[in-house]
Amino acid sequence: MSRILSRFVQNHWKDPKNLIQVLMGPRQVGKTTLITELTEHLSEGSFLYASADLPSPPTPDFIISHWSKVRALKVEKPTLVLDEIQKIPRWSETVKMLWDEDQRHKKIMNIWLLGSSAILIEKGLSESLTGRFELNFLPHWIFLECEKTF
C-alpha cells in the first residue's frame, strides 16, 4: 500500500458490520489505486469493479446491473466496487433499494462506493443512506507521507 492512510481503509475492507463503505476524496489522491491494490488479494470471481466515469452519464440501471452480477457470484461474501458513483443520477436511492433488499434476504456483500465530489456524495448519503454506510475519507497527501516520500 502506497498511502499511510491506506491502513485505515484496509481495516474497513472486510467490514464485519456489513455497512456500505464509502471512500471519498478529491480527484487524483489514490482512491481507485488503493481499491485496486486491495482487490489484487481477492480470488478471481469474488468481486466486481465498475466505473461510472463514462463519456455519457450512466443511468441507475448501471448500478442495478452490476449489483445483480455480484449477487450471482458463487462466493460467501462477494465485493462490489462502484467508482465515481456521484456521476449516476439518483444513485443513493438505487443503492438504498438494493442494499435494503439484500438485508431482507440476508444476502451479505461488501459494497464500496468511491467518489470525488464531496457535495454530491454527502447529499446522497444524508438523503437516503443514513445508518447504512461508513465514510472513509482519503485526503491529499499528509505531511508524514510527503516527509517519507521526499
Protein backbone atom coordinates (compact mmCIF):
# COMPACT_ATOMS: atom_id res chain seq x y z
CA MET A 1 0.00 0.00 0.00
CA SER A 2 1.42 3.30 -1.06
CA ARG A 3 -0.52 5.62 1.24
CA ILE A 4 -0.15 5.77 5.03
CA LEU A 5 -3.92 6.22 5.32
CA SER A 6 -4.46 3.05 3.32
CA ARG A 7 -4.07 1.03 6.55
CA PHE A 8 -7.22 2.70 7.84
CA VAL A 9 -9.12 1.80 4.66
CA GLN A 10 -7.69 -1.73 4.75
CA ASN A 11 -9.16 -2.19 8.24
CA HIS A 12 -12.60 -1.49 6.77
CA TRP A 13 -12.12 -3.71 3.72
CA LYS A 14 -13.83 -6.74 5.24
CA ASP A 15 -16.35 -4.80 7.29
CA PRO A 16 -17.95 -7.17 9.85
CA LYS A 17 -20.87 -4.74 10.40
CA ASN A 18 -21.91 -5.15 6.77
CA LEU A 19 -22.23 -1.41 6.17
CA ILE A 20 -21.74 0.21 2.78
CA GLN A 21 -18.20 1.58 2.72
CA VAL A 22 -17.87 4.99 1.08
CA LEU A 23 -14.38 6.11 0.03
CA MET A 24 -14.46 9.81 -0.70
CA GLY A 25 -11.75 12.30 -1.56
CA PRO A 26 -10.60 14.77 -4.20
CA ARG A 27 -9.53 13.65 -7.64
CA GLN A 28 -6.07 12.10 -8.03
CA VAL A 29 -5.47 11.16 -4.38
CA GLY A 30 -5.33 7.39 -5.00
CA LYS A 31 -8.85 6.10 -4.23
CA THR A 32 -9.02 3.84 -7.27
CA THR A 33 -5.38 2.78 -6.90
CA LEU A 34 -5.95 1.85 -3.27
CA ILE A 35 -9.04 -0.22 -4.06
CA THR A 36 -7.24 -1.88 -6.99
CA GLU A 37 -4.43 -2.92 -4.62
CA LEU A 38 -6.97 -4.34 -2.18
CA THR A 39 -8.79 -6.34 -4.87
CA GLU A 40 -5.48 -7.91 -6.00
CA HIS A 41 -5.69 -10.07 -2.87
CA LEU A 42 -9.16 -11.37 -3.71
CA SER A 43 -9.69 -14.54 -5.66
CA GLU A 44 -10.88 -14.35 -9.26
CA GLY A 45 -14.66 -14.26 -9.45
CA SER A 46 -15.21 -12.87 -5.95
CA PHE A 47 -15.52 -9.18 -6.82
CA LEU A 48 -16.58 -6.73 -9.49
CA TYR A 49 -15.20 -3.25 -10.15
CA ALA A 50 -17.17 -0.81 -12.32
CA SER A 51 -16.54 2.86 -13.01
CA ALA A 52 -19.30 5.34 -13.84
CA ASP A 53 -16.69 7.66 -15.34
CA LEU A 54 -18.05 7.20 -18.86
CA PRO A 55 -18.45 9.58 -21.82
CA SER A 56 -22.19 9.92 -21.15
CA PRO A 57 -23.61 9.61 -17.63
CA PRO A 58 -24.94 6.14 -16.85
CA THR A 59 -28.44 5.61 -15.52
CA PRO A 60 -29.40 3.87 -12.25
CA ASP A 61 -29.59 0.68 -14.35
CA PHE A 62 -25.77 0.74 -14.32
CA ILE A 63 -25.87 0.14 -10.55
CA ILE A 64 -28.66 -2.44 -10.75
CA SER A 65 -26.87 -4.40 -13.47
CA HIS A 66 -23.53 -4.59 -11.65
CA TRP A 67 -25.18 -5.27 -8.29
CA SER A 68 -27.07 -8.20 -9.87
CA LYS A 69 -23.83 -9.62 -11.30
CA VAL A 70 -22.24 -9.58 -7.84
CA ARG A 71 -25.31 -11.16 -6.26
CA ALA A 72 -24.87 -14.05 -8.71
CA LEU A 73 -21.23 -14.72 -7.74
CA LYS A 74 -20.82 -18.09 -6.06
CA VAL A 75 -18.69 -16.94 -3.13
CA GLU A 76 -19.52 -16.39 0.53
CA LYS A 77 -19.17 -12.58 0.67
CA PRO A 78 -18.62 -11.04 -2.76
CA THR A 79 -17.37 -7.47 -3.22
CA LEU A 80 -18.79 -4.75 -5.45
CA VAL A 81 -16.81 -1.55 -6.09
CA LEU A 82 -18.61 1.28 -7.87
CA ASP A 83 -16.25 4.13 -8.76
CA GLU A 84 -17.34 7.75 -9.45
CA ILE A 85 -20.78 6.88 -8.09
CA GLN A 86 -21.82 10.56 -7.92
CA LYS A 87 -22.00 10.67 -11.73
CA ILE A 88 -25.11 8.48 -11.70
CA PRO A 89 -28.41 10.32 -11.22
CA ARG A 90 -30.42 9.09 -8.20
CA TRP A 91 -27.55 6.79 -7.21
CA SER A 92 -28.32 6.92 -3.50
CA GLU A 93 -31.97 5.87 -3.87
CA THR A 94 -30.90 2.96 -6.08
CA VAL A 95 -28.20 1.81 -3.67
CA LYS A 96 -30.62 2.10 -0.73
CA MET A 97 -33.24 -0.01 -2.53
CA LEU A 98 -30.72 -2.75 -3.43
CA TRP A 99 -28.99 -2.76 -0.03
CA ASP A 100 -32.33 -2.94 1.83
CA GLU A 101 -33.39 -5.81 -0.45
CA ASP A 102 -30.19 -7.68 0.39
CA GLN A 103 -30.70 -7.10 4.11
CA ARG A 104 -34.23 -8.55 3.92
CA HIS A 105 -32.92 -11.63 2.06
CA LYS A 106 -29.82 -11.93 4.28
CA LYS A 107 -27.50 -11.54 1.28
CA ILE A 108 -24.14 -10.40 2.61
CA MET A 109 -21.87 -8.43 0.26
CA ASN A 110 -19.01 -5.96 0.61
CA ILE A 111 -20.14 -2.74 -1.05
CA TRP A 112 -17.61 0.03 -1.78
CA LEU A 113 -18.71 3.32 -3.31
CA LEU A 114 -15.97 5.67 -4.49
CA GLY A 115 -16.49 9.30 -5.34
CA SER A 116 -14.66 12.55 -5.81
CA SER A 117 -17.46 15.10 -5.49
CA ALA A 118 -17.91 15.64 -1.76
CA ILE A 119 -21.06 17.72 -2.17
CA LEU A 120 -22.85 15.18 -4.38
CA ILE A 121 -21.72 12.21 -2.29
CA GLU A 122 -22.67 13.76 1.05
CA LYS A 123 -26.06 14.88 -0.28
CA GLY A 124 -26.88 11.32 -1.38
CA LEU A 125 -25.63 9.82 1.86
CA SER A 126 -27.65 12.12 4.08
CA GLU A 127 -30.83 11.85 2.00
CA SER A 128 -31.14 8.11 1.52
CA LEU A 129 -28.44 6.09 3.20
CA THR A 130 -28.40 7.27 6.79
CA GLY A 131 -27.39 4.41 9.10
CA ARG A 132 -26.35 2.19 6.20
CA PHE A 133 -22.83 3.42 5.47
CA GLU A 134 -19.43 4.19 6.91
CA LEU A 135 -17.49 7.13 5.48
CA ASN A 136 -13.79 6.80 4.68
CA PHE A 137 -12.03 9.99 3.55
CA LEU A 138 -8.79 9.94 1.57
CA PRO A 139 -7.30 13.45 1.52
CA HIS A 140 -4.35 14.82 -0.40
CA TRP A 141 -1.02 13.64 0.97
CA ILE A 142 -0.47 14.36 4.63
CA PHE A 143 2.83 15.70 6.00
CA LEU A 144 4.12 12.27 7.09
CA GLU A 145 3.63 10.88 3.57
CA CYS A 146 5.44 13.83 1.99
CA GLU A 147 8.28 13.55 4.50
CA LYS A 148 8.62 9.79 3.92
CA THR A 149 8.49 10.09 0.12
CA PHE A 150 10.59 13.18 -0.43
